[in-house]
N, C-alpha and C. Protein backbone atom coordinates (compact mmCIF):
# COMPACT_ATOMS: atom_id res chain seq x y z
N MET A 1 195.70 60.92 41.57
CA MET A 1 196.27 59.62 41.27
C MET A 1 196.20 58.75 42.52
N GLY A 2 195.73 57.55 42.36
CA GLY A 2 195.62 56.63 43.49
C GLY A 2 196.94 55.93 43.78
N VAL A 3 196.94 55.15 44.85
CA VAL A 3 198.16 54.47 45.29
C VAL A 3 197.87 52.99 45.51
N ILE A 4 198.77 52.15 45.01
CA ILE A 4 198.74 50.72 45.25
C ILE A 4 199.95 50.39 46.12
N VAL A 5 199.71 49.65 47.20
CA VAL A 5 200.80 49.15 48.03
C VAL A 5 200.93 47.66 47.76
N CYS A 6 202.15 47.25 47.49
CA CYS A 6 202.44 45.84 47.26
C CYS A 6 203.30 45.36 48.41
N ALA A 7 202.72 44.52 49.28
CA ALA A 7 203.48 43.92 50.38
C ALA A 7 204.32 42.81 49.80
N THR A 8 205.62 42.87 50.02
CA THR A 8 206.50 41.94 49.35
C THR A 8 207.53 41.33 50.29
N GLY A 9 207.88 40.10 50.00
CA GLY A 9 208.92 39.41 50.74
C GLY A 9 210.05 39.07 49.79
N ASN A 10 210.62 37.87 49.94
CA ASN A 10 211.76 37.49 49.12
C ASN A 10 211.50 36.27 48.23
N GLY A 11 210.34 35.66 48.32
CA GLY A 11 210.12 34.40 47.63
C GLY A 11 209.42 34.53 46.29
N VAL A 12 209.17 33.38 45.69
CA VAL A 12 208.50 33.30 44.39
C VAL A 12 207.10 33.92 44.46
N GLN A 13 206.36 33.67 45.54
CA GLN A 13 205.02 34.24 45.67
C GLN A 13 205.09 35.76 45.66
N SER A 14 206.09 36.32 46.30
CA SER A 14 206.23 37.78 46.30
C SER A 14 206.46 38.32 44.90
N ARG A 15 207.19 37.58 44.11
CA ARG A 15 207.44 37.99 42.72
C ARG A 15 206.11 38.06 41.95
N ARG A 16 205.22 37.11 42.18
CA ARG A 16 203.92 37.12 41.52
C ARG A 16 203.09 38.33 41.96
N VAL A 17 203.14 38.63 43.26
CA VAL A 17 202.41 39.78 43.78
C VAL A 17 202.98 41.06 43.18
N GLN A 18 204.30 41.15 43.10
CA GLN A 18 204.95 42.32 42.51
C GLN A 18 204.52 42.50 41.05
N ASN A 19 204.54 41.41 40.28
CA ASN A 19 204.14 41.49 38.88
C ASN A 19 202.70 41.95 38.73
N ALA A 20 201.81 41.43 39.57
CA ALA A 20 200.41 41.85 39.53
C ALA A 20 200.28 43.33 39.88
N ALA A 21 201.03 43.78 40.88
CA ALA A 21 200.97 45.18 41.29
C ALA A 21 201.48 46.11 40.18
N VAL A 22 202.55 45.71 39.54
CA VAL A 22 203.09 46.52 38.44
C VAL A 22 202.06 46.63 37.31
N GLU A 23 201.44 45.52 36.97
CA GLU A 23 200.44 45.55 35.90
C GLU A 23 199.25 46.43 36.26
N LEU A 24 198.76 46.31 37.49
CA LEU A 24 197.64 47.16 37.92
C LEU A 24 198.03 48.63 37.92
N ALA A 25 199.21 48.94 38.41
CA ALA A 25 199.66 50.33 38.45
C ALA A 25 199.80 50.88 37.03
N ARG A 26 200.31 50.07 36.13
CA ARG A 26 200.48 50.49 34.74
C ARG A 26 199.13 50.75 34.07
N VAL A 27 198.23 49.80 34.19
CA VAL A 27 196.93 49.92 33.54
C VAL A 27 196.08 51.02 34.15
N ASP A 28 196.05 51.10 35.48
CA ASP A 28 195.21 52.09 36.17
C ASP A 28 195.92 53.42 36.39
N GLN A 29 197.18 53.52 35.97
CA GLN A 29 197.99 54.72 36.14
C GLN A 29 197.98 55.20 37.58
N LYS A 30 198.32 54.28 38.47
CA LYS A 30 198.39 54.59 39.90
C LYS A 30 199.83 54.54 40.37
N ARG A 31 200.10 55.24 41.43
CA ARG A 31 201.41 55.22 42.05
C ARG A 31 201.60 53.87 42.73
N LEU A 32 202.81 53.34 42.69
CA LEU A 32 203.09 52.02 43.26
C LEU A 32 204.14 52.15 44.35
N VAL A 33 203.84 51.53 45.50
CA VAL A 33 204.78 51.49 46.62
C VAL A 33 204.97 50.04 47.03
N PHE A 34 206.20 49.54 46.89
CA PHE A 34 206.55 48.22 47.39
C PHE A 34 206.91 48.37 48.86
N VAL A 35 206.33 47.52 49.71
CA VAL A 35 206.60 47.56 51.14
C VAL A 35 207.13 46.20 51.59
N HIS A 36 208.23 46.24 52.31
CA HIS A 36 208.81 45.02 52.89
C HIS A 36 208.89 45.23 54.39
N VAL A 37 208.42 44.24 55.15
CA VAL A 37 208.45 44.33 56.61
C VAL A 37 209.48 43.36 57.16
N VAL A 38 210.41 43.90 57.93
CA VAL A 38 211.39 43.09 58.64
C VAL A 38 210.74 42.65 59.94
N ASP A 39 210.40 41.38 60.00
CA ASP A 39 209.71 40.81 61.16
C ASP A 39 210.55 39.66 61.70
N LEU A 40 211.20 39.89 62.81
CA LEU A 40 212.11 38.88 63.37
C LEU A 40 211.40 37.59 63.78
N ARG A 41 210.08 37.62 63.89
CA ARG A 41 209.36 36.40 64.25
C ARG A 41 209.60 35.30 63.22
N GLN A 42 209.85 35.67 61.97
CA GLN A 42 210.08 34.66 60.94
C GLN A 42 211.39 33.91 61.14
N MET A 43 212.25 34.42 62.00
CA MET A 43 213.53 33.77 62.29
C MET A 43 213.40 32.74 63.42
N GLY A 44 212.27 32.73 64.11
CA GLY A 44 212.10 31.80 65.22
C GLY A 44 212.84 32.29 66.45
N GLU A 45 213.04 31.39 67.40
CA GLU A 45 213.74 31.73 68.64
C GLU A 45 215.21 32.00 68.36
N MET A 46 215.73 33.05 69.01
CA MET A 46 217.16 33.33 68.89
C MET A 46 217.64 34.08 70.11
N GLU A 47 218.91 34.02 70.34
CA GLU A 47 219.50 34.73 71.46
C GLU A 47 219.35 36.23 71.24
N GLU A 48 219.14 36.94 72.33
CA GLU A 48 218.97 38.39 72.25
C GLU A 48 220.17 39.06 71.59
N ALA A 49 221.36 38.55 71.84
CA ALA A 49 222.57 39.14 71.27
C ALA A 49 222.61 39.05 69.74
N LEU A 50 221.88 38.10 69.17
CA LEU A 50 221.87 37.93 67.72
C LEU A 50 220.82 38.80 67.02
N ARG A 51 219.87 39.33 67.77
CA ARG A 51 218.77 40.08 67.17
C ARG A 51 219.22 41.26 66.30
N PRO A 52 220.15 42.10 66.74
CA PRO A 52 220.55 43.22 65.88
C PRO A 52 221.14 42.76 64.54
N ALA A 53 221.97 41.72 64.58
CA ALA A 53 222.56 41.22 63.34
C ALA A 53 221.49 40.63 62.43
N ALA A 54 220.56 39.89 63.01
CA ALA A 54 219.47 39.29 62.23
C ALA A 54 218.60 40.38 61.61
N ARG A 55 218.29 41.41 62.39
CA ARG A 55 217.48 42.53 61.89
C ARG A 55 218.18 43.21 60.71
N ALA A 56 219.48 43.45 60.86
CA ALA A 56 220.25 44.09 59.79
C ALA A 56 220.30 43.23 58.54
N GLU A 57 220.48 41.93 58.72
CA GLU A 57 220.54 41.02 57.58
C GLU A 57 219.20 40.96 56.85
N LEU A 58 218.11 40.86 57.60
CA LEU A 58 216.78 40.83 56.97
C LEU A 58 216.47 42.15 56.27
N ALA A 59 216.89 43.26 56.84
CA ALA A 59 216.69 44.56 56.19
C ALA A 59 217.49 44.64 54.89
N TRP A 60 218.72 44.12 54.92
CA TRP A 60 219.54 44.12 53.71
C TRP A 60 218.89 43.27 52.61
N LEU A 61 218.42 42.08 52.98
CA LEU A 61 217.73 41.22 52.01
C LEU A 61 216.46 41.89 51.48
N GLY A 62 215.73 42.54 52.37
CA GLY A 62 214.52 43.26 51.96
C GLY A 62 214.84 44.37 50.98
N GLU A 63 215.88 45.14 51.26
CA GLU A 63 216.26 46.23 50.35
C GLU A 63 216.68 45.69 49.00
N ALA A 64 217.41 44.57 48.98
CA ALA A 64 217.80 43.96 47.71
C ALA A 64 216.56 43.54 46.92
N SER A 65 215.61 42.92 47.59
CA SER A 65 214.37 42.51 46.94
C SER A 65 213.60 43.71 46.40
N LEU A 66 213.57 44.78 47.18
CA LEU A 66 212.86 46.00 46.75
C LEU A 66 213.54 46.63 45.54
N ARG A 67 214.87 46.65 45.51
CA ARG A 67 215.58 47.21 44.35
C ARG A 67 215.24 46.43 43.09
N LEU A 68 215.22 45.10 43.20
CA LEU A 68 214.87 44.28 42.05
C LEU A 68 213.43 44.55 41.60
N ALA A 69 212.52 44.67 42.56
CA ALA A 69 211.12 44.94 42.23
C ALA A 69 210.98 46.30 41.53
N ARG A 70 211.65 47.32 42.05
CA ARG A 70 211.58 48.65 41.42
C ARG A 70 212.15 48.59 40.00
N ASP A 71 213.22 47.84 39.81
CA ASP A 71 213.82 47.73 38.48
C ASP A 71 212.88 47.03 37.51
N ARG A 72 212.24 45.94 37.96
CA ARG A 72 211.27 45.26 37.08
C ARG A 72 210.10 46.18 36.75
N ALA A 73 209.65 46.97 37.72
CA ALA A 73 208.55 47.92 37.46
C ALA A 73 208.99 48.96 36.43
N ARG A 74 210.19 49.49 36.60
CA ARG A 74 210.71 50.50 35.68
C ARG A 74 210.75 49.96 34.25
N ARG A 75 211.17 48.70 34.11
CA ARG A 75 211.23 48.10 32.77
C ARG A 75 209.85 47.94 32.15
N GLN A 76 208.80 47.97 32.99
CA GLN A 76 207.42 47.90 32.49
C GLN A 76 206.81 49.30 32.33
N GLY A 77 207.62 50.32 32.56
CA GLY A 77 207.13 51.70 32.41
C GLY A 77 206.46 52.26 33.65
N VAL A 78 206.68 51.62 34.81
CA VAL A 78 206.04 52.05 36.05
C VAL A 78 207.12 52.52 37.02
N THR A 79 206.96 53.72 37.54
CA THR A 79 207.86 54.21 38.57
C THR A 79 207.32 53.76 39.92
N ALA A 80 208.18 53.17 40.71
CA ALA A 80 207.75 52.65 42.01
C ALA A 80 208.67 53.17 43.11
N GLU A 81 208.08 53.33 44.27
CA GLU A 81 208.82 53.68 45.47
C GLU A 81 208.90 52.42 46.33
N SER A 82 209.75 52.47 47.35
CA SER A 82 209.81 51.34 48.26
C SER A 82 210.03 51.82 49.68
N VAL A 83 209.56 51.00 50.61
CA VAL A 83 209.64 51.32 52.03
C VAL A 83 209.95 50.04 52.79
N ILE A 84 210.87 50.14 53.75
CA ILE A 84 211.11 49.03 54.66
C ILE A 84 210.54 49.42 56.02
N LEU A 85 209.71 48.53 56.56
CA LEU A 85 209.13 48.72 57.88
C LEU A 85 209.69 47.64 58.81
N HIS A 86 209.55 47.85 60.10
CA HIS A 86 210.06 46.88 61.08
C HIS A 86 208.96 46.52 62.06
N GLY A 87 208.95 45.25 62.48
CA GLY A 87 208.01 44.80 63.48
C GLY A 87 207.09 43.73 62.95
N ASN A 88 205.98 43.55 63.65
CA ASN A 88 204.95 42.60 63.24
C ASN A 88 204.40 43.03 61.89
N VAL A 89 204.31 42.11 60.95
CA VAL A 89 203.91 42.44 59.58
C VAL A 89 202.58 43.18 59.56
N CYS A 90 201.58 42.62 60.21
CA CYS A 90 200.25 43.24 60.16
C CYS A 90 200.24 44.62 60.82
N GLN A 91 200.84 44.73 61.98
CA GLN A 91 200.86 46.02 62.67
C GLN A 91 201.62 47.06 61.87
N ALA A 92 202.73 46.66 61.27
CA ALA A 92 203.51 47.61 60.47
C ALA A 92 202.73 48.07 59.25
N LEU A 93 202.09 47.13 58.54
CA LEU A 93 201.30 47.51 57.37
C LEU A 93 200.13 48.40 57.75
N GLU A 94 199.43 48.04 58.81
CA GLU A 94 198.29 48.85 59.24
C GLU A 94 198.75 50.25 59.64
N GLY A 95 199.89 50.37 60.31
CA GLY A 95 200.43 51.67 60.67
C GLY A 95 200.74 52.50 59.43
N TYR A 96 201.35 51.86 58.44
CA TYR A 96 201.65 52.56 57.19
C TYR A 96 200.37 53.07 56.52
N LEU A 97 199.35 52.23 56.50
CA LEU A 97 198.08 52.60 55.86
C LEU A 97 197.38 53.74 56.61
N ARG A 98 197.55 53.80 57.91
CA ARG A 98 196.96 54.90 58.69
C ARG A 98 197.64 56.23 58.35
N ASP A 99 198.93 56.16 58.02
CA ASP A 99 199.71 57.38 57.78
C ASP A 99 199.76 57.81 56.32
N HIS A 100 199.32 56.95 55.40
CA HIS A 100 199.42 57.25 53.97
C HIS A 100 198.12 56.92 53.26
N PRO A 101 197.69 57.77 52.35
CA PRO A 101 196.48 57.44 51.58
C PRO A 101 196.78 56.33 50.57
N VAL A 102 196.04 55.24 50.68
CA VAL A 102 196.25 54.07 49.83
C VAL A 102 194.89 53.57 49.36
N ASP A 103 194.79 53.20 48.09
CA ASP A 103 193.55 52.66 47.53
C ASP A 103 193.47 51.15 47.62
N LEU A 104 194.61 50.49 47.42
CA LEU A 104 194.62 49.04 47.29
C LEU A 104 195.91 48.47 47.86
N VAL A 105 195.79 47.36 48.57
CA VAL A 105 196.95 46.60 49.05
C VAL A 105 196.91 45.24 48.39
N LEU A 106 198.02 44.86 47.79
CA LEU A 106 198.16 43.52 47.23
C LEU A 106 199.01 42.68 48.16
N LEU A 107 198.51 41.48 48.46
CA LEU A 107 199.19 40.53 49.33
C LEU A 107 199.30 39.18 48.63
N GLY A 108 200.27 38.39 49.05
CA GLY A 108 200.34 37.02 48.56
C GLY A 108 199.17 36.24 49.13
N ALA A 109 198.95 35.05 48.61
CA ALA A 109 197.86 34.21 49.09
C ALA A 109 197.94 34.09 50.61
N ALA A 110 196.81 34.25 51.28
CA ALA A 110 196.78 34.21 52.75
C ALA A 110 197.31 32.86 53.23
N SER A 111 198.42 32.93 53.97
CA SER A 111 199.05 31.70 54.42
C SER A 111 198.64 31.30 55.83
N ASN A 112 197.96 32.22 56.53
CA ASN A 112 197.51 31.90 57.88
C ASN A 112 196.36 32.82 58.28
N ASP A 113 195.73 32.49 59.40
CA ASP A 113 194.57 33.26 59.85
C ASP A 113 194.94 34.69 60.22
N GLU A 114 196.16 34.90 60.70
CA GLU A 114 196.59 36.26 61.07
C GLU A 114 196.54 37.19 59.86
N ILE A 115 197.00 36.71 58.71
CA ILE A 115 196.99 37.53 57.50
C ILE A 115 195.56 37.79 57.05
N THR A 116 194.70 36.79 57.14
CA THR A 116 193.30 36.96 56.76
C THR A 116 192.62 38.00 57.65
N ARG A 117 192.85 37.90 58.96
CA ARG A 117 192.27 38.90 59.88
C ARG A 117 192.83 40.29 59.62
N CYS A 118 194.11 40.35 59.33
CA CYS A 118 194.77 41.63 59.03
C CYS A 118 194.13 42.27 57.80
N ALA A 119 193.93 41.48 56.76
CA ALA A 119 193.31 42.00 55.53
C ALA A 119 191.90 42.51 55.80
N ARG A 120 191.15 41.77 56.60
CA ARG A 120 189.79 42.17 56.95
C ARG A 120 189.80 43.52 57.69
N ARG A 121 190.75 43.69 58.63
CA ARG A 121 190.86 44.97 59.37
C ARG A 121 191.22 46.11 58.42
N MET A 122 192.12 45.84 57.49
CA MET A 122 192.51 46.88 56.53
C MET A 122 191.28 47.37 55.77
N GLU A 123 190.44 46.44 55.37
CA GLU A 123 189.25 46.80 54.60
C GLU A 123 188.20 47.46 55.49
N GLN A 124 187.87 46.85 56.62
CA GLN A 124 186.77 47.33 57.45
C GLN A 124 187.12 48.55 58.28
N GLU A 125 188.29 48.56 58.89
CA GLU A 125 188.64 49.65 59.79
C GLU A 125 189.36 50.80 59.10
N LEU A 126 190.13 50.49 58.06
CA LEU A 126 190.92 51.52 57.40
C LEU A 126 190.36 51.91 56.03
N GLY A 127 189.39 51.16 55.54
CA GLY A 127 188.76 51.50 54.26
C GLY A 127 189.65 51.31 53.05
N VAL A 128 190.61 50.38 53.16
CA VAL A 128 191.54 50.12 52.06
C VAL A 128 191.20 48.75 51.46
N ALA A 129 191.02 48.71 50.16
CA ALA A 129 190.74 47.44 49.48
C ALA A 129 191.98 46.55 49.55
N VAL A 130 191.75 45.24 49.72
CA VAL A 130 192.84 44.27 49.77
C VAL A 130 192.57 43.21 48.72
N GLN A 131 193.61 42.87 47.98
CA GLN A 131 193.50 41.83 46.97
C GLN A 131 194.61 40.81 47.21
N PHE A 132 194.23 39.53 47.28
CA PHE A 132 195.21 38.47 47.41
C PHE A 132 195.57 37.98 46.01
N VAL A 133 196.84 37.72 45.79
CA VAL A 133 197.32 37.17 44.53
C VAL A 133 197.62 35.70 44.78
N ALA A 134 196.87 34.84 44.11
CA ALA A 134 196.97 33.40 44.33
C ALA A 134 198.32 32.85 43.89
N ALA A 135 198.80 31.86 44.62
CA ALA A 135 200.03 31.16 44.25
C ALA A 135 199.75 30.31 43.02
N GLN A 136 200.76 30.19 42.17
CA GLN A 136 200.63 29.37 40.97
C GLN A 136 201.94 28.62 40.76
N GLY A 137 201.86 27.35 40.55
CA GLY A 137 203.05 26.57 40.18
C GLY A 137 204.23 26.79 41.11
N HIS A 138 205.41 26.40 40.63
CA HIS A 138 206.61 26.52 41.44
C HIS A 138 207.74 27.23 40.72
N GLY A 139 207.58 27.56 39.44
CA GLY A 139 208.67 28.20 38.70
C GLY A 139 208.67 29.69 38.88
N LEU A 140 209.75 30.31 38.49
CA LEU A 140 209.83 31.78 38.55
C LEU A 140 209.17 32.37 37.33
N ASP A 141 208.51 33.50 37.53
CA ASP A 141 207.91 34.22 36.41
C ASP A 141 209.02 34.85 35.59
N ALA A 142 208.78 34.96 34.31
CA ALA A 142 209.77 35.61 33.43
C ALA A 142 209.81 37.09 33.71
N ASP A 143 210.99 37.67 33.56
CA ASP A 143 211.13 39.13 33.71
C ASP A 143 210.51 39.74 32.54
């Protein structure tokens, strides 16, 4: 059985990526792993004293998002696992892929060059297929 990794955040785009991953896992009968990376860079500049609290808060939000994703997958007949990683998004994902056999990574639409380069490395250096899920509209997808 193959494995699909769905990189997920907290926004509407992540919900679309999650839905696509669930459908692919269901149809292809593959194992599904939702991955959320706590990356403090998304918080911008902050005092060092605030970093532990920010890290804990982002991890809590990530876990909540992952629980919802697993529940939506379960309602579609797909059992999913979830993992929270810490650090730079690309480095954390690449590290996970080095340590786990994965067939496909689903990502939201590439929002910057770093994500595009990261996806290229995943494919070329790690031999893992990467699929971007395009953004659509602004509404939430139905459960």
